Amino acid sequence: MDILDEGITAGVFHMPDAFLAVTAISGMGMRVANWYDSAMPYEPEKVADTYAEFALRMTRADA
């Protein structure tokens, strides 16, 4: 939450509700443990990079 608040204050993040964004981002990350299996065609780095991109898009982060 602090990171999102700092980003909003700095003008880097632009989201309608920081609390809802942090719950969505953390929920997204926690669900990986439920579905990820090493037999899947996804390397952990690919999942992490893609989820990071999702989180940045969710916060409408400046490039």
PDB file of N, CA and C in Angstrom:
ATOM      1  N   MET A   1       0.832  -1.185   0.000  1.00  0.00           N
ATOM      2  CA  MET A   1       0.000   0.000   0.000  1.00  0.00           C
ATOM      3  C   MET A   1       0.873   1.244   0.000  1.00  0.00           C
ATOM      4  N   ASP A   2       1.949   1.208   0.787  1.00  0.00           N
ATOM      5  CA  ASP A   2       2.846   2.365   0.855  1.00  0.00           C
ATOM      6  C   ASP A   2       3.461   2.675  -0.509  1.00  0.00           C
ATOM      7  N   ILE A   3       3.826   1.626  -1.242  1.00  0.00           N
ATOM      8  CA  ILE A   3       4.429   1.838  -2.564  1.00  0.00           C
ATOM      9  C   ILE A   3       3.433   2.511  -3.497  1.00  0.00           C
ATOM     10  N   LEU A   4       2.195   2.047  -3.479  1.00  0.00           N
ATOM     11  CA  LEU A   4       1.187   2.672  -4.333  1.00  0.00           C
ATOM     12  C   LEU A   4       0.929   4.115  -3.920  1.00  0.00           C
ATOM     13  N   ASP A   5       0.841   4.355  -2.616  1.00  0.00           N
ATOM     14  CA  ASP A   5       0.638   5.726  -2.137  1.00  0.00           C
ATOM     15  C   ASP A   5       1.793   6.633  -2.558  1.00  0.00           C
ATOM     16  N   GLU A   6       3.017   6.138  -2.436  1.00  0.00           N
ATOM     17  CA  GLU A   6       4.185   6.932  -2.847  1.00  0.00           C
ATOM     18  C   GLU A   6       4.149   7.207  -4.350  1.00  0.00           C
ATOM     19  N   GLY A   7       3.773   6.193  -5.131  1.00  0.00           N
ATOM     20  CA  GLY A   7       3.680   6.373  -6.574  1.00  0.00           C
ATOM     21  C   GLY A   7       2.613   7.374  -6.974  1.00  0.00           C
ATOM     22  N   ILE A   8       1.501   7.367  -6.259  1.00  0.00           N
ATOM     23  CA  ILE A   8       0.432   8.338  -6.525  1.00  0.00           C
ATOM     24  C   ILE A   8       0.920   9.742  -6.201  1.00  0.00           C
ATOM     25  N   THR A   9       1.548   9.885  -5.041  1.00  0.00           N
ATOM     26  CA  THR A   9       2.068  11.189  -4.624  1.00  0.00           C
ATOM     27  C   THR A   9       3.103  11.713  -5.614  1.00  0.00           C
ATOM     28  N   ALA A  10       3.943  10.817  -6.118  1.00  0.00           N
ATOM     29  CA  ALA A  10       4.987  11.204  -7.068  1.00  0.00           C
ATOM     30  C   ALA A  10       4.443  11.422  -8.474  1.00  0.00           C
ATOM     31  N   GLY A  11       3.165  11.087  -8.693  1.00  0.00           N
ATOM     32  CA  GLY A  11       2.565  11.260 -10.004  1.00  0.00           C
ATOM     33  C   GLY A  11       2.921  10.166 -10.992  1.00  0.00           C
ATOM     34  N   VAL A  12       3.395   9.023 -10.478  1.00  0.00           N
ATOM     35  CA  VAL A  12       3.784   7.901 -11.340  1.00  0.00           C
ATOM     36  C   VAL A  12       2.619   6.950 -11.563  1.00  0.00           C
ATOM     37  N   PHE A  13       1.795   6.747 -10.527  1.00  0.00           N
ATOM     38  CA  PHE A  13       0.639   5.864 -10.624  1.00  0.00           C
ATOM     39  C   PHE A  13      -0.631   6.709 -10.700  1.00  0.00           C
ATOM     40  N   HIS A  14      -1.581   6.227 -11.494  1.00  0.00           N
ATOM     41  CA  HIS A  14      -2.844   6.947 -11.699  1.00  0.00           C
ATOM     42  C   HIS A  14      -3.972   5.922 -11.658  1.00  0.00           C
ATOM     43  N   MET A  15      -4.519   5.708 -10.477  1.00  0.00           N
ATOM     44  CA  MET A  15      -5.592   4.720 -10.334  1.00  0.00           C
ATOM     45  C   MET A  15      -6.712   5.317  -9.511  1.00  0.00           C
ATOM     46  N   PRO A  16      -7.925   4.848  -9.723  1.00  0.00           N
ATOM     47  CA  PRO A  16      -9.056   5.421  -8.994  1.00  0.00           C
ATOM     48  C   PRO A  16      -9.085   5.045  -7.515  1.00  0.00           C
ATOM     49  N   ASP A  17      -8.497   3.898  -7.143  1.00  0.00           N
ATOM     50  CA  ASP A  17      -8.561   3.461  -5.746  1.00  0.00           C
ATOM     51  C   ASP A  17      -7.346   2.588  -5.425  1.00  0.00           C
ATOM     52  N   ALA A  18      -6.442   3.121  -4.624  1.00  0.00           N
ATOM     53  CA  ALA A  18      -5.203   2.403  -4.303  1.00  0.00           C
ATOM     54  C   ALA A  18      -5.468   1.133  -3.501  1.00  0.00           C
ATOM     55  N   PHE A  19      -6.409   1.168  -2.575  1.00  0.00           N
ATOM     56  CA  PHE A  19      -6.692  -0.023  -1.776  1.00  0.00           C
ATOM     57  C   PHE A  19      -7.183  -1.170  -2.653  1.00  0.00           C
ATOM     58  N   LEU A  20      -8.115  -0.872  -3.555  1.00  0.00           N
ATOM     59  CA  LEU A  20      -8.615  -1.919  -4.435  1.00  0.00           C
ATOM     60  C   LEU A  20      -7.525  -2.415  -5.381  1.00  0.00           C
ATOM     61  N   ALA A  21      -6.659  -1.540  -5.813  1.00  0.00           N
ATOM     62  CA  ALA A  21      -5.544  -1.960  -6.669  1.00  0.00           C
ATOM     63  C   ALA A  21      -4.609  -2.901  -5.918  1.00  0.00           C
ATOM     64  N   VAL A  22      -4.268  -2.571  -4.686  1.00  0.00           N
ATOM     65  CA  VAL A  22      -3.344  -3.433  -3.927  1.00  0.00           C
ATOM     66  C   VAL A  22      -3.987  -4.783  -3.612  1.00  0.00           C
ATOM     67  N   THR A  23      -5.293  -4.815  -3.370  1.00  0.00           N
ATOM     68  CA  THR A  23      -5.936  -6.113  -3.123  1.00  0.00           C
ATOM     69  C   THR A  23      -5.979  -6.946  -4.400  1.00  0.00           C
ATOM     70  N   ALA A  24      -6.208  -6.308  -5.535  1.00  0.00           N
ATOM     71  CA  ALA A  24      -6.223  -7.040  -6.806  1.00  0.00           C
ATOM     72  C   ALA A  24      -4.837  -7.573  -7.162  1.00  0.00           C
ATOM     73  N   ILE A  25      -3.820  -6.747  -6.983  1.00  0.00           N
ATOM     74  CA  ILE A  25      -2.444  -7.155  -7.297  1.00  0.00           C
ATOM     75  C   ILE A  25      -1.997  -8.282  -6.372  1.00  0.00           C
ATOM     76  N   SER A  26      -2.262  -8.147  -5.087  1.00  0.00           N
ATOM     77  CA  SER A  26      -1.827  -9.194  -4.154  1.00  0.00           C
ATOM     78  C   SER A  26      -2.610 -10.486  -4.382  1.00  0.00           C
ATOM     79  N   GLY A  27      -3.902 -10.367  -4.678  1.00  0.00           N
ATOM     80  CA  GLY A  27      -4.697 -11.561  -4.972  1.00  0.00           C
ATOM     81  C   GLY A  27      -4.203 -12.277  -6.215  1.00  0.00           C
ATOM     82  N   MET A  28      -3.853 -11.511  -7.221  1.00  0.00           N
ATOM     83  CA  MET A  28      -3.333 -12.079  -8.457  1.00  0.00           C
ATOM     84  C   MET A  28      -2.051 -12.869  -8.165  1.00  0.00           C
ATOM     85  N   GLY A  29      -1.190 -12.301  -7.358  1.00  0.00           N
ATOM     86  CA  GLY A  29       0.059 -12.973  -7.026  1.00  0.00           C
ATOM     87  C   GLY A  29      -0.136 -14.230  -6.190  1.00  0.00           C
ATOM     88  N   MET A  30      -1.080 -14.189  -5.269  1.00  0.00           N
ATOM     89  CA  MET A  30      -1.297 -15.348  -4.403  1.00  0.00           C
ATOM     90  C   MET A  30      -1.919 -16.520  -5.158  1.00  0.00           C
ATOM     91  N   ARG A  31      -2.711 -16.240  -6.187  1.00  0.00           N
ATOM     92  CA  ARG A  31      -3.363 -17.314  -6.940  1.00  0.00           C
ATOM     93  C   ARG A  31      -2.379 -18.147  -7.755  1.00  0.00           C
ATOM     94  N   VAL A  32      -1.214 -17.612  -8.046  1.00  0.00           N
ATOM     95  CA  VAL A  32      -0.221 -18.370  -8.821  1.00  0.00           C
ATOM     96  C   VAL A  32       0.066 -19.701  -8.141  1.00  0.00           C
ATOM     97  N   ALA A  33       0.130 -19.703  -6.831  1.00  0.00           N
ATOM     98  CA  ALA A  33       0.422 -20.939  -6.097  1.00  0.00           C
ATOM     99  C   ALA A  33      -0.650 -22.001  -6.318  1.00  0.00           C
ATOM    100  N   ASN A  34      -1.852 -21.581  -6.668  1.00  0.00           N
ATOM    101  CA  ASN A  34      -2.938 -22.530  -6.891  1.00  0.00           C
ATOM    102  C   ASN A  34      -2.916 -23.164  -8.273  1.00  0.00           C
ATOM    103  N   TRP A  35      -2.411 -22.452  -9.271  1.00  0.00           N
ATOM    104  CA  TRP A  35      -2.490 -22.990 -10.621  1.00  0.00           C
ATOM    105  C   TRP A  35      -1.146 -23.356 -11.232  1.00  0.00           C
ATOM    106  N   TYR A  36      -0.057 -22.757 -10.733  1.00  0.00           N
ATOM    107  CA  TYR A  36       1.229 -22.988 -11.400  1.00  0.00           C
ATOM    108  C   TYR A  36       1.722 -24.411 -11.159  1.00  0.00           C
ATOM    109  N   ASP A  37       2.229 -25.007 -12.221  1.00  0.00           N
ATOM    110  CA  ASP A  37       2.835 -26.332 -12.156  1.00  0.00           C
ATOM    111  C   ASP A  37       4.012 -26.310 -13.121  1.00  0.00           C
ATOM    112  N   SER A  38       5.131 -26.851 -12.705  1.00  0.00           N
ATOM    113  CA  SER A  38       6.329 -26.824 -13.542  1.00  0.00           C
ATOM    114  C   SER A  38       6.140 -27.574 -14.861  1.00  0.00           C
ATOM    115  N   ALA A  39       5.111 -28.411 -14.946  1.00  0.00           N
ATOM    116  CA  ALA A  39       4.830 -29.119 -16.195  1.00  0.00           C
ATOM    117  C   ALA A  39       4.153 -28.213 -17.220  1.00  0.00           C
ATOM    118  N   MET A  40       3.694 -27.058 -16.781  1.00  0.00           N
ATOM    119  CA  MET A  40       3.058 -26.119 -17.700  1.00  0.00           C
ATOM    120  C   MET A  40       4.117 -25.463 -18.574  1.00  0.00           C
ATOM    121  N   PRO A  41       3.706 -24.930 -19.707  1.00  0.00           N
ATOM    122  CA  PRO A  41       4.678 -24.320 -20.620  1.00  0.00           C
ATOM    123  C   PRO A  41       5.073 -22.890 -20.237  1.00  0.00           C
ATOM    124  N   TYR A  42       5.107 -22.589 -18.942  1.00  0.00           N
ATOM    125  CA  TYR A  42       5.467 -21.254 -18.471  1.00  0.00           C
ATOM    126  C   TYR A  42       6.653 -21.343 -17.523  1.00  0.00           C
ATOM    127  N   GLU A  43       7.719 -20.635 -17.861  1.00  0.00           N
ATOM    128  CA  GLU A  43       8.850 -20.530 -16.945  1.00  0.00           C
ATOM    129  C   GLU A  43       8.470 -19.540 -15.841  1.00  0.00           C
ATOM    130  N   PRO A  44       8.966 -19.747 -14.615  1.00  0.00           N
ATOM    131  CA  PRO A  44       8.642 -18.818 -13.527  1.00  0.00           C
ATOM    132  C   PRO A  44       8.967 -17.361 -13.866  1.00  0.00           C
ATOM    133  N   GLU A  45      10.057 -17.135 -14.576  1.00  0.00           N
ATOM    134  CA  GLU A  45      10.442 -15.769 -14.941  1.00  0.00           C
ATOM    135  C   GLU A  45       9.407 -15.131 -15.867  1.00  0.00           C
ATOM    136  N   LYS A  46       8.850 -15.929 -16.777  1.00  0.00           N
ATOM    137  CA  LYS A  46       7.835 -15.427 -17.697  1.00  0.00           C
ATOM    138  C   LYS A  46       6.562 -15.045 -16.935  1.00  0.00           C
ATOM    139  N   VAL A  47       6.178 -15.888 -15.987  1.00  0.00           N
ATOM    140  CA  VAL A  47       4.997 -15.588 -15.166  1.00  0.00           C
ATOM    141  C   VAL A  47       5.241 -14.303 -14.378  1.00  0.00           C
ATOM    142  N   ALA A  48       6.392 -14.195 -13.744  1.00  0.00           N
ATOM    143  CA  ALA A  48       6.709 -13.010 -12.940  1.00  0.00           C
ATOM    144  C   ALA A  48       6.724 -11.748 -13.795  1.00  0.00           C
ATOM    145  N   ASP A  49       7.368 -11.808 -14.939  1.00  0.00           N
ATOM    146  CA  ASP A  49       7.433 -10.629 -15.812  1.00  0.00           C
ATOM    147  C   ASP A  49       6.046 -10.222 -16.313  1.00  0.00           C
ATOM    148  N   THR A  50       5.244 -11.187 -16.672  1.00  0.00           N
ATOM    149  CA  THR A  50       3.900 -10.890 -17.180  1.00  0.00           C
ATOM    150  C   THR A  50       3.022 -10.322 -16.076  1.00  0.00           C
ATOM    151  N   TYR A  51       3.101 -10.902 -14.880  1.00  0.00           N
ATOM    152  CA  TYR A  51       2.311 -10.380 -13.761  1.00  0.00           C
ATOM    153  C   TYR A  51       2.762  -8.978 -13.378  1.00  0.00           C
ATOM    154  N   ALA A  52       4.055  -8.716 -13.458  1.00  0.00           N
ATOM    155  CA  ALA A  52       4.550  -7.362 -13.176  1.00  0.00           C
ATOM    156  C   ALA A  52       3.971  -6.374 -14.184  1.00  0.00           C
ATOM    157  N   GLU A  53       3.909  -6.782 -15.451  1.00  0.00           N
ATOM    158  CA  GLU A  53       3.309  -5.914 -16.466  1.00  0.00           C
ATOM    159  C   GLU A  53       1.829  -5.690 -16.174  1.00  0.00           C
ATOM    160  N   PHE A  54       1.120  -6.750 -15.779  1.00  0.00           N
ATOM    161  CA  PHE A  54      -0.296  -6.592 -15.414  1.00  0.00           C
ATOM    162  C   PHE A  54      -0.455  -5.577 -14.280  1.00  0.00           C
ATOM    163  N   ALA A  55       0.387  -5.695 -13.251  1.00  0.00           N
ATOM    164  CA  ALA A  55       0.300  -4.792 -12.094  1.00  0.00           C
ATOM    165  C   ALA A  55       0.564  -3.349 -12.508  1.00  0.00           C
ATOM    166  N   LEU A  56       1.572  -3.147 -13.359  1.00  0.00           N
ATOM    167  CA  LEU A  56       1.870  -1.782 -13.804  1.00  0.00           C
ATOM    168  C   LEU A  56       0.720  -1.213 -14.634  1.00  0.00           C
ATOM    169  N   ARG A  57       0.108  -2.046 -15.445  1.00  0.00           N
ATOM    170  CA  ARG A  57      -1.033  -1.579 -16.227  1.00  0.00           C
ATOM    171  C   ARG A  57      -2.222  -1.254 -15.325  1.00  0.00           C
ATOM    172  N   MET A  58      -2.391  -2.056 -14.287  1.00  0.00           N
ATOM    173  CA  MET A  58      -3.493  -1.839 -13.353  1.00  0.00           C
ATOM    174  C   MET A  58      -3.346  -0.486 -12.646  1.00  0.00           C
ATOM    175  N   THR A  59      -2.112  -0.097 -12.364  1.00  0.00           N
ATOM    176  CA  THR A  59      -1.867   1.173 -11.676  1.00  0.00           C
ATOM    177  C   THR A  59      -1.759   2.335 -12.662  1.00  0.00           C
ATOM    178  N   ARG A  60      -1.841   2.018 -13.960  1.00  0.00           N
ATOM    179  CA  ARG A  60      -1.670   2.990 -15.024  1.00  0.00           C
ATOM    180  C   ARG A  60      -0.369   3.770 -14.813  1.00  0.00           C
ATOM    181  N   ALA A  61       0.693   3.013 -14.566  1.00  0.00           N
ATOM    182  CA  ALA A  61       2.018   3.590 -14.318  1.00  0.00           C
ATOM    183  C   ALA A  61       2.530   4.294 -15.559  1.00  0.00           C
ATOM    184  N   ASP A  62       3.188   5.425 -15.340  1.00  0.00           N
ATOM    185  CA  ASP A  62       3.849   6.117 -16.438  1.00  0.00           C
ATOM    186  C   ASP A  62       5.004   5.271 -16.929  1.00  0.00           C
ATOM    187  N   ALA A  63       5.251   5.321 -18.214  1.00  0.00           N
ATOM    188  CA  ALA A  63       6.344   4.516 -18.806  1.00  0.00           C
ATOM    189  C   ALA A  63       7.700   4.970 -18.314  1.00  0.00           C
TER     190      ALA A  63
END
